Amino acid sequence: MRPAGGRKDIASSPAEKKAAAKAIEEHIEPDTHKAGRWADDDTADVVKAFGPKDGDGWLTAGALKSAHETWSDQVKNLLDRLGADKSALRSANTVLQNTDLAVGAGVRQASSLDRY
């Protein structure tokens, strides 16, 4: 039975965690990085077009540059988060397995019935 509010499509088996980490590494991270670069190029062109010419320029150039800096920070934060999620997925099985083994070792103490 699923906990209230839980999602049934969350990767829970080792194979699903491995596949999710692989998808992040091979598709989501590169595509996010590519989208960020695409915005860099186009925004730089627009800022240049609206920038100062002969000492005058549009206020739009500064606003776009500021908005793009915010966008770049958000892309970096997203890529950092994706990297952390990928690492967590890859290490979750080891952490959970080691925890299970430690708990099992602690719970299973020698019993007087073991001698029989």
PDB file of N, CA and C in Angstrom:
ATOM      1  N   MET A   1       0.840  -1.179   0.000  1.00  0.00           N
ATOM      2  CA  MET A   1       0.000   0.000   0.000  1.00  0.00           C
ATOM      3  C   MET A   1       0.885   1.241   0.000  1.00  0.00           C
ATOM      4  N   ARG A   2       0.525   2.176  -0.785  1.00  0.00           N
ATOM      5  CA  ARG A   2       1.250   3.420  -0.950  1.00  0.00           C
ATOM      6  C   ARG A   2       0.898   4.408   0.154  1.00  0.00           C
ATOM      7  N   PRO A   3       1.901   5.192   0.646  1.00  0.00           N
ATOM      8  CA  PRO A   3       1.569   6.219   1.633  1.00  0.00           C
ATOM      9  C   PRO A   3       0.661   7.280   1.017  1.00  0.00           C
ATOM     10  N   ALA A   4      -0.139   7.909   1.836  1.00  0.00           N
ATOM     11  CA  ALA A   4      -1.039   8.955   1.349  1.00  0.00           C
ATOM     12  C   ALA A   4      -0.231  10.039   0.665  1.00  0.00           C
ATOM     13  N   GLY A   5      -0.672  10.422  -0.519  1.00  0.00           N
ATOM     14  CA  GLY A   5       0.010  11.468  -1.256  1.00  0.00           C
ATOM     15  C   GLY A   5       1.242  10.990  -1.996  1.00  0.00           C
ATOM     16  N   GLY A   6       1.628   9.721  -1.831  1.00  0.00           N
ATOM     17  CA  GLY A   6       2.807   9.182  -2.511  1.00  0.00           C
ATOM     18  C   GLY A   6       2.531   8.951  -3.982  1.00  0.00           C
ATOM     19  N   ARG A   7       3.610   8.921  -4.741  1.00  0.00           N
ATOM     20  CA  ARG A   7       3.468   8.707  -6.181  1.00  0.00           C
ATOM     21  C   ARG A   7       3.850   7.277  -6.508  1.00  0.00           C
ATOM     22  N   LYS A   8       3.106   6.670  -7.384  1.00  0.00           N
ATOM     23  CA  LYS A   8       3.399   5.290  -7.747  1.00  0.00           C
ATOM     24  C   LYS A   8       4.470   5.196  -8.826  1.00  0.00           C
ATOM     25  N   ASP A   9       4.833   6.311  -9.470  1.00  0.00           N
ATOM     26  CA  ASP A   9       5.782   6.253 -10.572  1.00  0.00           C
ATOM     27  C   ASP A   9       7.193   6.679 -10.187  1.00  0.00           C
ATOM     28  N   ILE A  10       7.502   6.742  -8.912  1.00  0.00           N
ATOM     29  CA  ILE A  10       8.842   7.098  -8.468  1.00  0.00           C
ATOM     30  C   ILE A  10       9.726   5.852  -8.602  1.00  0.00           C
ATOM     31  N   ALA A  11      10.922   6.045  -9.177  1.00  0.00           N
ATOM     32  CA  ALA A  11      11.844   4.927  -9.350  1.00  0.00           C
ATOM     33  C   ALA A  11      12.219   4.359  -7.992  1.00  0.00           C
ATOM     34  N   SER A  12      11.984   3.059  -7.820  1.00  0.00           N
ATOM     35  CA  SER A  12      12.276   2.487  -6.514  1.00  0.00           C
ATOM     36  C   SER A  12      13.181   1.271  -6.583  1.00  0.00           C
ATOM     37  N   SER A  13      13.222   0.580  -7.699  1.00  0.00           N
ATOM     38  CA  SER A  13      14.115  -0.567  -7.787  1.00  0.00           C
ATOM     39  C   SER A  13      15.504  -0.090  -8.189  1.00  0.00           C
ATOM     40  N   PRO A  14      16.528  -0.879  -7.909  1.00  0.00           N
ATOM     41  CA  PRO A  14      17.880  -0.492  -8.327  1.00  0.00           C
ATOM     42  C   PRO A  14      17.966  -0.220  -9.836  1.00  0.00           C
ATOM     43  N   ALA A  15      17.289  -1.034 -10.634  1.00  0.00           N
ATOM     44  CA  ALA A  15      17.322  -0.839 -12.089  1.00  0.00           C
ATOM     45  C   ALA A  15      16.647   0.475 -12.488  1.00  0.00           C
ATOM     46  N   GLU A  16      15.545   0.805 -11.817  1.00  0.00           N
ATOM     47  CA  GLU A  16      14.850   2.063 -12.121  1.00  0.00           C
ATOM     48  C   GLU A  16      15.681   3.274 -11.702  1.00  0.00           C
ATOM     49  N   LYS A  17      16.348   3.173 -10.569  1.00  0.00           N
ATOM     50  CA  LYS A  17      17.220   4.272 -10.119  1.00  0.00           C
ATOM     51  C   LYS A  17      18.373   4.462 -11.096  1.00  0.00           C
ATOM     52  N   LYS A  18      18.954   3.347 -11.535  1.00  0.00           N
ATOM     53  CA  LYS A  18      20.059   3.404 -12.491  1.00  0.00           C
ATOM     54  C   LYS A  18      19.587   4.022 -13.807  1.00  0.00           C
ATOM     55  N   ALA A  19      18.410   3.632 -14.276  1.00  0.00           N
ATOM     56  CA  ALA A  19      17.858   4.183 -15.515  1.00  0.00           C
ATOM     57  C   ALA A  19      17.550   5.676 -15.376  1.00  0.00           C
ATOM     58  N   ALA A  20      17.054   6.083 -14.230  1.00  0.00           N
ATOM     59  CA  ALA A  20      16.746   7.500 -14.001  1.00  0.00           C
ATOM     60  C   ALA A  20      18.035   8.325 -13.986  1.00  0.00           C
ATOM     61  N   ALA A  21      19.071   7.825 -13.331  1.00  0.00           N
ATOM     62  CA  ALA A  21      20.365   8.532 -13.305  1.00  0.00           C
ATOM     63  C   ALA A  21      20.952   8.619 -14.707  1.00  0.00           C
ATOM     64  N   LYS A  22      20.809   7.549 -15.470  1.00  0.00           N
ATOM     65  CA  LYS A  22      21.316   7.529 -16.851  1.00  0.00           C
ATOM     66  C   LYS A  22      20.558   8.538 -17.711  1.00  0.00           C
ATOM     67  N   ALA A  23      19.253   8.634 -17.534  1.00  0.00           N
ATOM     68  CA  ALA A  23      18.442   9.603 -18.292  1.00  0.00           C
ATOM     69  C   ALA A  23      18.856  11.034 -17.959  1.00  0.00           C
ATOM     70  N   ILE A  24      19.112  11.286 -16.688  1.00  0.00           N
ATOM     71  CA  ILE A  24      19.575  12.619 -16.291  1.00  0.00           C
ATOM     72  C   ILE A  24      20.903  12.921 -16.975  1.00  0.00           C
ATOM     73  N   GLU A  25      21.828  11.957 -16.908  1.00  0.00           N
ATOM     74  CA  GLU A  25      23.176  12.172 -17.442  1.00  0.00           C
ATOM     75  C   GLU A  25      23.204  12.282 -18.961  1.00  0.00           C
ATOM     76  N   GLU A  26      22.441  11.436 -19.645  1.00  0.00           N
ATOM     77  CA  GLU A  26      22.532  11.377 -21.104  1.00  0.00           C
ATOM     78  C   GLU A  26      21.564  12.287 -21.844  1.00  0.00           C
ATOM     79  N   HIS A  27      20.482  12.696 -21.187  1.00  0.00           N
ATOM     80  CA  HIS A  27      19.474  13.488 -21.892  1.00  0.00           C
ATOM     81  C   HIS A  27      19.162  14.819 -21.214  1.00  0.00           C
ATOM     82  N   ILE A  28      18.759  14.763 -19.971  1.00  0.00           N
ATOM     83  CA  ILE A  28      18.248  15.967 -19.307  1.00  0.00           C
ATOM     84  C   ILE A  28      19.347  17.002 -19.094  1.00  0.00           C
ATOM     85  N   GLU A  29      20.498  16.586 -18.541  1.00  0.00           N
ATOM     86  CA  GLU A  29      21.591  17.545 -18.332  1.00  0.00           C
ATOM     87  C   GLU A  29      22.093  18.149 -19.650  1.00  0.00           C
ATOM     88  N   PRO A  30      22.418  17.314 -20.656  1.00  0.00           N
ATOM     89  CA  PRO A  30      22.903  17.905 -21.910  1.00  0.00           C
ATOM     90  C   PRO A  30      21.866  18.807 -22.591  1.00  0.00           C
ATOM     91  N   ASP A  31      20.608  18.391 -22.569  1.00  0.00           N
ATOM     92  CA  ASP A  31      19.559  19.201 -23.205  1.00  0.00           C
ATOM     93  C   ASP A  31      19.365  20.522 -22.465  1.00  0.00           C
ATOM     94  N   THR A  32      19.444  20.488 -21.144  1.00  0.00           N
ATOM     95  CA  THR A  32      19.316  21.714 -20.356  1.00  0.00           C
ATOM     96  C   THR A  32      20.489  22.645 -20.635  1.00  0.00           C
ATOM     97  N   HIS A  33      21.681  22.080 -20.691  1.00  0.00           N
ATOM     98  CA  HIS A  33      22.871  22.879 -20.989  1.00  0.00           C
ATOM     99  C   HIS A  33      22.766  23.487 -22.393  1.00  0.00           C
ATOM    100  N   LYS A  34      22.314  22.701 -23.342  1.00  0.00           N
ATOM    101  CA  LYS A  34      22.147  23.174 -24.726  1.00  0.00           C
ATOM    102  C   LYS A  34      21.131  24.314 -24.794  1.00  0.00           C
ATOM    103  N   ALA A  35      20.024  24.173 -24.084  1.00  0.00           N
ATOM    104  CA  ALA A  35      19.003  25.227 -24.064  1.00  0.00           C
ATOM    105  C   ALA A  35      19.564  26.500 -23.437  1.00  0.00           C
ATOM    106  N   GLY A  36      20.367  26.349 -22.406  1.00  0.00           N
ATOM    107  CA  GLY A  36      20.991  27.504 -21.774  1.00  0.00           C
ATOM    108  C   GLY A  36      21.938  28.223 -22.718  1.00  0.00           C
ATOM    109  N   ARG A  37      22.730  27.463 -23.475  1.00  0.00           N
ATOM    110  CA  ARG A  37      23.653  28.065 -24.456  1.00  0.00           C
ATOM    111  C   ARG A  37      22.888  28.768 -25.575  1.00  0.00           C
ATOM    112  N   TRP A  38      21.789  28.163 -26.003  1.00  0.00           N
ATOM    113  CA  TRP A  38      20.969  28.751 -27.064  1.00  0.00           C
ATOM    114  C   TRP A  38      20.465  30.126 -26.622  1.00  0.00           C
ATOM    115  N   ALA A  39      20.011  30.208 -25.398  1.00  0.00           N
ATOM    116  CA  ALA A  39      19.541  31.489 -24.863  1.00  0.00           C
ATOM    117  C   ALA A  39      20.698  32.479 -24.747  1.00  0.00           C
ATOM    118  N   ASP A  40      21.890  31.996 -24.396  1.00  0.00           N
ATOM    119  CA  ASP A  40      23.057  32.883 -24.317  1.00  0.00           C
ATOM    120  C   ASP A  40      23.312  33.567 -25.648  1.00  0.00           C
ATOM    121  N   ASP A  41      23.359  32.789 -26.711  1.00  0.00           N
ATOM    122  CA  ASP A  41      23.665  33.327 -28.040  1.00  0.00           C
ATOM    123  C   ASP A  41      22.610  34.331 -28.503  1.00  0.00           C
ATOM    124  N   ASP A  42      21.351  33.946 -28.411  1.00  0.00           N
ATOM    125  CA  ASP A  42      20.278  34.825 -28.885  1.00  0.00           C
ATOM    126  C   ASP A  42      20.182  36.101 -28.049  1.00  0.00           C
ATOM    127  N   THR A  43      20.327  35.975 -26.746  1.00  0.00           N
ATOM    128  CA  THR A  43      20.234  37.155 -25.890  1.00  0.00           C
ATOM    129  C   THR A  43      21.396  38.103 -26.150  1.00  0.00           C
ATOM    130  N   ALA A  44      22.586  37.556 -26.339  1.00  0.00           N
ATOM    131  CA  ALA A  44      23.749  38.404 -26.633  1.00  0.00           C
ATOM    132  C   ALA A  44      23.521  39.198 -27.918  1.00  0.00           C
ATOM    133  N   ASP A  45      22.926  38.548 -28.920  1.00  0.00           N
ATOM    134  CA  ASP A  45      22.637  39.244 -30.179  1.00  0.00           C
ATOM    135  C   ASP A  45      21.635  40.380 -29.974  1.00  0.00           C
ATOM    136  N   VAL A  46      20.596  40.125 -29.189  1.00  0.00           N
ATOM    137  CA  VAL A  46      19.566  41.144 -28.950  1.00  0.00           C
ATOM    138  C   VAL A  46      20.136  42.296 -28.123  1.00  0.00           C
ATOM    139  N   VAL A  47      20.912  41.981 -27.087  1.00  0.00           N
ATOM    140  CA  VAL A  47      21.523  43.033 -26.271  1.00  0.00           C
ATOM    141  C   VAL A  47      22.424  43.904 -27.139  1.00  0.00           C
ATOM    142  N   LYS A  48      23.175  43.282 -28.016  1.00  0.00           N
ATOM    143  CA  LYS A  48      24.058  44.037 -28.919  1.00  0.00           C
ATOM    144  C   LYS A  48      23.233  44.932 -29.846  1.00  0.00           C
ATOM    145  N   ALA A  49      22.129  44.396 -30.370  1.00  0.00           N
ATOM    146  CA  ALA A  49      21.286  45.178 -31.288  1.00  0.00           C
ATOM    147  C   ALA A  49      20.654  46.385 -30.588  1.00  0.00           C
ATOM    148  N   PHE A  50      20.286  46.233 -29.324  1.00  0.00           N
ATOM    149  CA  PHE A  50      19.673  47.337 -28.582  1.00  0.00           C
ATOM    150  C   PHE A  50      20.698  48.175 -27.819  1.00  0.00           C
ATOM    151  N   GLY A  51      21.951  47.777 -27.863  1.00  0.00           N
ATOM    152  CA  GLY A  51      22.997  48.455 -27.099  1.00  0.00           C
ATOM    153  C   GLY A  51      23.354  49.821 -27.651  1.00  0.00           C
ATOM    154  N   PRO A  52      24.274  50.476 -26.960  1.00  0.00           N
ATOM    155  CA  PRO A  52      24.653  51.839 -27.342  1.00  0.00           C
ATOM    156  C   PRO A  52      25.321  51.906 -28.720  1.00  0.00           C
ATOM    157  N   LYS A  53      24.863  52.859 -29.478  1.00  0.00           N
ATOM    158  CA  LYS A  53      25.477  53.179 -30.763  1.00  0.00           C
ATOM    159  C   LYS A  53      25.680  54.688 -30.746  1.00  0.00           C
ATOM    160  N   ASP A  54      26.879  55.104 -30.898  1.00  0.00           N
ATOM    161  CA  ASP A  54      27.198  56.532 -30.839  1.00  0.00           C
ATOM    162  C   ASP A  54      26.795  57.141 -29.487  1.00  0.00           C
ATOM    163  N   GLY A  55      26.937  56.357 -28.423  1.00  0.00           N
ATOM    164  CA  GLY A  55      26.671  56.868 -27.087  1.00  0.00           C
ATOM    165  C   GLY A  55      25.250  56.686 -26.602  1.00  0.00           C
ATOM    166  N   ASP A  56      24.325  56.312 -27.479  1.00  0.00           N
ATOM    167  CA  ASP A  56      22.934  56.115 -27.063  1.00  0.00           C
ATOM    168  C   ASP A  56      22.551  54.652 -27.249  1.00  0.00           C
ATOM    169  N   GLY A  57      21.658  54.199 -26.423  1.00  0.00           N
ATOM    170  CA  GLY A  57      21.152  52.838 -26.528  1.00  0.00           C
ATOM    171  C   GLY A  57      19.804  52.741 -25.855  1.00  0.00           C
ATOM    172  N   TRP A  58      19.167  51.637 -26.054  1.00  0.00           N
ATOM    173  CA  TRP A  58      17.856  51.408 -25.464  1.00  0.00           C
ATOM    174  C   TRP A  58      18.019  50.880 -24.035  1.00  0.00           C
ATOM    175  N   LEU A  59      17.097  51.248 -23.181  1.00  0.00           N
ATOM    176  CA  LEU A  59      17.083  50.694 -21.825  1.00  0.00           C
ATOM    177  C   LEU A  59      16.815  49.188 -21.862  1.00  0.00           C
ATOM    178  N   THR A  60      16.210  48.760 -22.954  1.00  0.00           N
ATOM    179  CA  THR A  60      15.896  47.339 -23.119  1.00  0.00           C
ATOM    180  C   THR A  60      17.161  46.488 -23.032  1.00  0.00           C
ATOM    181  N   ALA A  61      18.271  46.982 -23.553  1.00  0.00           N
ATOM    182  CA  ALA A  61      19.515  46.208 -23.540  1.00  0.00           C
ATOM    183  C   ALA A  61      19.928  45.861 -22.113  1.00  0.00           C
ATOM    184  N   GLY A  62      19.909  46.827 -21.227  1.00  0.00           N
ATOM    185  CA  GLY A  62      20.277  46.580 -19.832  1.00  0.00           C
ATOM    186  C   GLY A  62      19.315  45.643 -19.134  1.00  0.00           C
ATOM    187  N   ALA A  63      18.033  45.817 -19.414  1.00  0.00           N
ATOM    188  CA  ALA A  63      17.021  44.950 -18.798  1.00  0.00           C
ATOM    189  C   ALA A  63      17.176  43.511 -19.289  1.00  0.00           C
ATOM    190  N   LEU A  64      17.421  43.350 -20.594  1.00  0.00           N
ATOM    191  CA  LEU A  64      17.624  42.001 -21.129  1.00  0.00           C
ATOM    192  C   LEU A  64      18.874  41.358 -20.552  1.00  0.00           C
ATOM    193  N   LYS A  65      19.924  42.144 -20.420  1.00  0.00           N
ATOM    194  CA  LYS A  65      21.168  41.618 -19.855  1.00  0.00           C
ATOM    195  C   LYS A  65      20.936  41.160 -18.416  1.00  0.00           C
ATOM    196  N   SER A  66      20.215  41.945 -17.642  1.00  0.00           N
ATOM    197  CA  SER A  66      19.911  41.586 -16.254  1.00  0.00           C
ATOM    198  C   SER A  66      19.042  40.328 -16.191  1.00  0.00           C
ATOM    199  N   ALA A  67      18.021  40.278 -17.049  1.00  0.00           N
ATOM    200  CA  ALA A  67      17.147  39.100 -17.074  1.00  0.00           C
ATOM    201  C   ALA A  67      17.931  37.855 -17.481  1.00  0.00           C
ATOM    202  N   HIS A  68      18.852  38.022 -18.408  1.00  0.00           N
ATOM    203  CA  HIS A  68      19.651  36.881 -18.855  1.00  0.00           C
ATOM    204  C   HIS A  68      20.590  36.390 -17.759  1.00  0.00           C
ATOM    205  N   GLU A  69      21.129  37.298 -16.960  1.00  0.00           N
ATOM    206  CA  GLU A  69      21.969  36.883 -15.835  1.00  0.00           C
ATOM    207  C   GLU A  69      21.162  36.035 -14.851  1.00  0.00           C
ATOM    208  N   THR A  70      19.918  36.444 -14.615  1.00  0.00           N
ATOM    209  CA  THR A  70      19.033  35.667 -13.742  1.00  0.00           C
ATOM    210  C   THR A  70      18.761  34.300 -14.353  1.00  0.00           C
ATOM    211  N   TRP A  71      18.482  34.271 -15.643  1.00  0.00           N
ATOM    212  CA  TRP A  71      18.242  33.022 -16.377  1.00  0.00           C
ATOM    213  C   TRP A  71      19.466  32.111 -16.253  1.00  0.00           C
ATOM    214  N   SER A  72      20.651  32.654 -16.463  1.00  0.00           N
ATOM    215  CA  SER A  72      21.884  31.854 -16.384  1.00  0.00           C
ATOM    216  C   SER A  72      22.062  31.255 -14.990  1.00  0.00           C
ATOM    217  N   ASP A  73      21.775  32.054 -13.968  1.00  0.00           N
ATOM    218  CA  ASP A  73      21.857  31.539 -12.597  1.00  0.00           C
ATOM    219  C   ASP A  73      20.864  30.401 -12.379  1.00  0.00           C
ATOM    220  N   GLN A  74      19.662  30.544 -12.928  1.00  0.00           N
ATOM    221  CA  GLN A  74      18.651  29.501 -12.770  1.00  0.00           C
ATOM    222  C   GLN A  74      19.051  28.224 -13.499  1.00  0.00           C
ATOM    223  N   VAL A  75      19.625  28.363 -14.691  1.00  0.00           N
ATOM    224  CA  VAL A  75      20.097  27.186 -15.433  1.00  0.00           C
ATOM    225  C   VAL A  75      21.200  26.497 -14.647  1.00  0.00           C
ATOM    226  N   LYS A  76      22.138  27.276 -14.102  1.00  0.00           N
ATOM    227  CA  LYS A  76      23.219  26.690 -13.311  1.00  0.00           C
ATOM    228  C   LYS A  76      22.666  25.967 -12.088  1.00  0.00           C
ATOM    229  N   ASN A  77      21.719  26.592 -11.404  1.00  0.00           N
ATOM    230  CA  ASN A  77      21.104  25.948 -10.235  1.00  0.00           C
ATOM    231  C   ASN A  77      20.396  24.653 -10.614  1.00  0.00           C
ATOM    232  N   LEU A  78      19.708  24.670 -11.753  1.00  0.00           N
ATOM    233  CA  LEU A  78      19.019  23.461 -12.213  1.00  0.00           C
ATOM    234  C   LEU A  78      20.018  22.366 -12.538  1.00  0.00           C
ATOM    235  N   LEU A  79      21.105  22.714 -13.228  1.00  0.00           N
ATOM    236  CA  LEU A  79      22.124  21.717 -13.549  1.00  0.00           C
ATOM    237  C   LEU A  79      22.773  21.163 -12.279  1.00  0.00           C
ATOM    238  N   ASP A  80      23.013  22.023 -11.298  1.00  0.00           N
ATOM    239  CA  ASP A  80      23.556  21.559 -10.017  1.00  0.00           C
ATOM    240  C   ASP A  80      22.585  20.596  -9.339  1.00  0.00           C
ATOM    241  N   ARG A  81      21.309  20.934  -9.369  1.00  0.00           N
ATOM    242  CA  ARG A  81      20.285  20.078  -8.750  1.00  0.00           C
ATOM    243  C   ARG A  81      20.190  18.732  -9.461  1.00  0.00           C
ATOM    244  N   LEU A  82      20.245  18.772 -10.802  1.00  0.00           N
ATOM    245  CA  LEU A  82      20.207  17.521 -11.572  1.00  0.00           C
ATOM    246  C   LEU A  82      21.407  16.642 -11.234  1.00  0.00           C
ATOM    247  N   GLY A  83      22.573  17.267 -11.102  1.00  0.00           N
ATOM    248  CA  GLY A  83      23.769  16.509 -10.730  1.00  0.00           C
ATOM    249  C   GLY A  83      23.637  15.880  -9.353  1.00  0.00           C
ATOM    250  N   ALA A  84      23.080  16.627  -8.421  1.00  0.00           N
ATOM    251  CA  ALA A  84      22.880  16.097  -7.067  1.00  0.00           C
ATOM    252  C   ALA A  84      21.867  14.954  -7.072  1.00  0.00           C
ATOM    253  N   ASP A  85      20.793  15.117  -7.837  1.00  0.00           N
ATOM    254  CA  ASP A  85      19.784  14.055  -7.928  1.00  0.00           C
ATOM    255  C   ASP A  85      20.372  12.799  -8.561  1.00  0.00           C
ATOM    256  N   LYS A  86      21.179  12.985  -9.597  1.00  0.00           N
ATOM    257  CA  LYS A  86      21.823  11.848 -10.265  1.00  0.00           C
ATOM    258  C   LYS A  86      22.723  11.104  -9.280  1.00  0.00           C
ATOM    259  N   SER A  87      23.520  11.838  -8.519  1.00  0.00           N
ATOM    260  CA  SER A  87      24.396  11.211  -7.518  1.00  0.00           C
ATOM    261  C   SER A  87      23.585  10.490  -6.445  1.00  0.00           C
ATOM    262  N   ALA A  88      22.510  11.126  -6.016  1.00  0.00           N
ATOM    263  CA  ALA A  88      21.669  10.510  -4.980  1.00  0.00           C
ATOM    264  C   ALA A  88      21.040   9.215  -5.486  1.00  0.00           C
ATOM    265  N   LEU A  89      20.585   9.221  -6.725  1.00  0.00           N
ATOM    266  CA  LEU A  89      20.007   8.001  -7.295  1.00  0.00           C
ATOM    267  C   LEU A  89      21.043   6.883  -7.356  1.00  0.00           C
ATOM    268  N   ARG A  90      22.250   7.241  -7.747  1.00  0.00           N
ATOM    269  CA  ARG A  90      23.295   6.226  -7.880  1.00  0.00           C
ATOM    270  C   ARG A  90      23.767   5.698  -6.527  1.00  0.00           C
ATOM    271  N   SER A  91      23.722   6.512  -5.506  1.00  0.00           N
ATOM    272  CA  SER A  91      24.210   6.061  -4.206  1.00  0.00           C
ATOM    273  C   SER A  91      23.104   5.503  -3.319  1.00  0.00           C
ATOM    274  N   ALA A  92      21.851   5.715  -3.677  1.00  0.00           N
ATOM    275  CA  ALA A  92      20.737   5.292  -2.813  1.00  0.00           C
ATOM    276  C   ALA A  92      20.752   3.797  -2.545  1.00  0.00           C
ATOM    277  N   ASN A  93      21.012   2.992  -3.565  1.00  0.00           N
ATOM    278  CA  ASN A  93      21.001   1.549  -3.361  1.00  0.00           C
ATOM    279  C   ASN A  93      22.069   1.115  -2.379  1.00  0.00           C
ATOM    280  N   THR A  94      23.259   1.678  -2.481  1.00  0.00           N
ATOM    281  CA  THR A  94      24.343   1.335  -1.575  1.00  0.00           C
ATOM    282  C   THR A  94      24.004   1.754  -0.148  1.00  0.00           C
ATOM    283  N   VAL A  95      23.515   2.967   0.005  1.00  0.00           N
ATOM    284  CA  VAL A  95      23.164   3.471   1.333  1.00  0.00           C
ATOM    285  C   VAL A  95      22.071   2.607   1.954  1.00  0.00           C
ATOM    286  N   LEU A  96      21.029   2.324   1.192  1.00  0.00           N
ATOM    287  CA  LEU A  96      19.922   1.532   1.737  1.00  0.00           C
ATOM    288  C   LEU A  96      20.347   0.095   2.041  1.00  0.00           C
ATOM    289  N   GLN A  97      21.149  -0.481   1.159  1.00  0.00           N
ATOM    290  CA  GLN A  97      21.611  -1.850   1.391  1.00  0.00           C
ATOM    291  C   GLN A  97      22.502  -1.917   2.629  1.00  0.00           C
ATOM    292  N   ASN A  98      23.412  -0.966   2.768  1.00  0.00           N
ATOM    293  CA  ASN A  98      24.279  -0.951   3.952  1.00  0.00           C
ATOM    294  C   ASN A  98      23.480  -0.736   5.231  1.00  0.00           C
ATOM    295  N   THR A  99      22.456   0.099   5.160  1.00  0.00           N
ATOM    296  CA  THR A  99      21.596   0.318   6.321  1.00  0.00           C
ATOM    297  C   THR A  99      20.864  -0.970   6.682  1.00  0.00           C
ATOM    298  N   ASP A 100      20.323  -1.647   5.673  1.00  0.00           N
ATOM    299  CA  ASP A 100      19.625  -2.913   5.924  1.00  0.00           C
ATOM    300  C   ASP A 100      20.558  -3.940   6.559  1.00  0.00           C
ATOM    301  N   LEU A 101      21.765  -4.030   6.047  1.00  0.00           N
ATOM    302  CA  LEU A 101      22.720  -4.993   6.602  1.00  0.00           C
ATOM    303  C   LEU A 101      23.087  -4.645   8.044  1.00  0.00           C
ATOM    304  N   ALA A 102      23.296  -3.361   8.311  1.00  0.00           N
ATOM    305  CA  ALA A 102      23.649  -2.938   9.667  1.00  0.00           C
ATOM    306  C   ALA A 102      22.505  -3.205  10.645  1.00  0.00           C
ATOM    307  N   VAL A 103      21.294  -2.890  10.223  1.00  0.00           N
ATOM    308  CA  VAL A 103      20.138  -3.135  11.089  1.00  0.00           C
ATOM    309  C   VAL A 103      19.967  -4.629  11.300  1.00  0.00           C
ATOM    310  N   GLY A 104      20.104  -5.402  10.229  1.00  0.00           N
ATOM    311  CA  GLY A 104      19.983  -6.855  10.344  1.00  0.00           C
ATOM    312  C   GLY A 104      21.010  -7.441  11.287  1.00  0.00           C
ATOM    313  N   ALA A 105      22.237  -6.940  11.212  1.00  0.00           N
ATOM    314  CA  ALA A 105      23.292  -7.443  12.088  1.00  0.00           C
ATOM    315  C   ALA A 105      23.009  -7.083  13.547  1.00  0.00           C
ATOM    316  N   GLY A 106      22.454  -5.889  13.759  1.00  0.00           N
ATOM    317  CA  GLY A 106      22.154  -5.454  15.115  1.00  0.00           C
ATOM    318  C   GLY A 106      20.956  -6.168  15.709  1.00  0.00           C
ATOM    319  N   VAL A 107      19.976  -6.472  14.895  1.00  0.00           N
ATOM    320  CA  VAL A 107      18.754  -7.118  15.373  1.00  0.00           C
ATOM    321  C   VAL A 107      18.993  -8.595  15.633  1.00  0.00           C
ATOM    322  N   ARG A 108      19.756  -9.206  14.782  1.00  0.00           N
ATOM    323  CA  ARG A 108      19.973 -10.658  14.886  1.00  0.00           C
ATOM    324  C   ARG A 108      21.138 -10.940  15.816  1.00  0.00           C
ATOM    325  N   GLN A 109      20.851 -10.965  17.074  1.00  0.00           N
ATOM    326  CA  GLN A 109      21.861 -11.317  18.080  1.00  0.00           C
ATOM    327  C   GLN A 109      21.815 -12.830  18.289  1.00  0.00           C
ATOM    328  N   ALA A 110      22.840 -13.323  18.878  1.00  0.00           N
ATOM    329  CA  ALA A 110      22.888 -14.756  19.164  1.00  0.00           C
ATOM    330  C   ALA A 110      21.757 -15.138  20.106  1.00  0.00           C
ATOM    331  N   SER A 111      21.131 -16.235  19.799  1.00  0.00           N
ATOM    332  CA  SER A 111      20.033 -16.734  20.607  1.00  0.00           C
ATOM    333  C   SER A 111      20.468 -18.014  21.291  1.00  0.00           C
ATOM    334  N   SER A 112      19.904 -18.292  22.431  1.00  0.00           N
ATOM    335  CA  SER A 112      20.228 -19.548  23.117  1.00  0.00           C
ATOM    336  C   SER A 112      19.740 -20.736  22.294  1.00  0.00           C
ATOM    337  N   LEU A 113      18.793 -20.510  21.399  1.00  0.00           N
ATOM    338  CA  LEU A 113      18.294 -21.593  20.549  1.00  0.00           C
ATOM    339  C   LEU A 113      19.272 -21.935  19.424  1.00  0.00           C
ATOM    340  N   ASP A 114      20.224 -21.046  19.149  1.00  0.00           N
ATOM    341  CA  ASP A 114      21.200 -21.306  18.098  1.00  0.00           C
ATOM    342  C   ASP A 114      22.080 -22.501  18.410  1.00  0.00           C
ATOM    343  N   ARG A 115      22.232 -22.842  19.660  1.00  0.00           N
ATOM    344  CA  ARG A 115      23.104 -23.976  20.052  1.00  0.00           C
ATOM    345  C   ARG A 115      22.440 -25.312  19.805  1.00  0.00           C
ATOM    346  N   TYR A 116      21.185 -25.350  19.513  1.00  0.00           N
ATOM    347  CA  TYR A 116      20.479 -26.626  19.353  1.00  0.00           C
ATOM    348  C   TYR A 116      20.330 -27.010  17.935  1.00  0.00           C
TER     349      TYR A 116
END
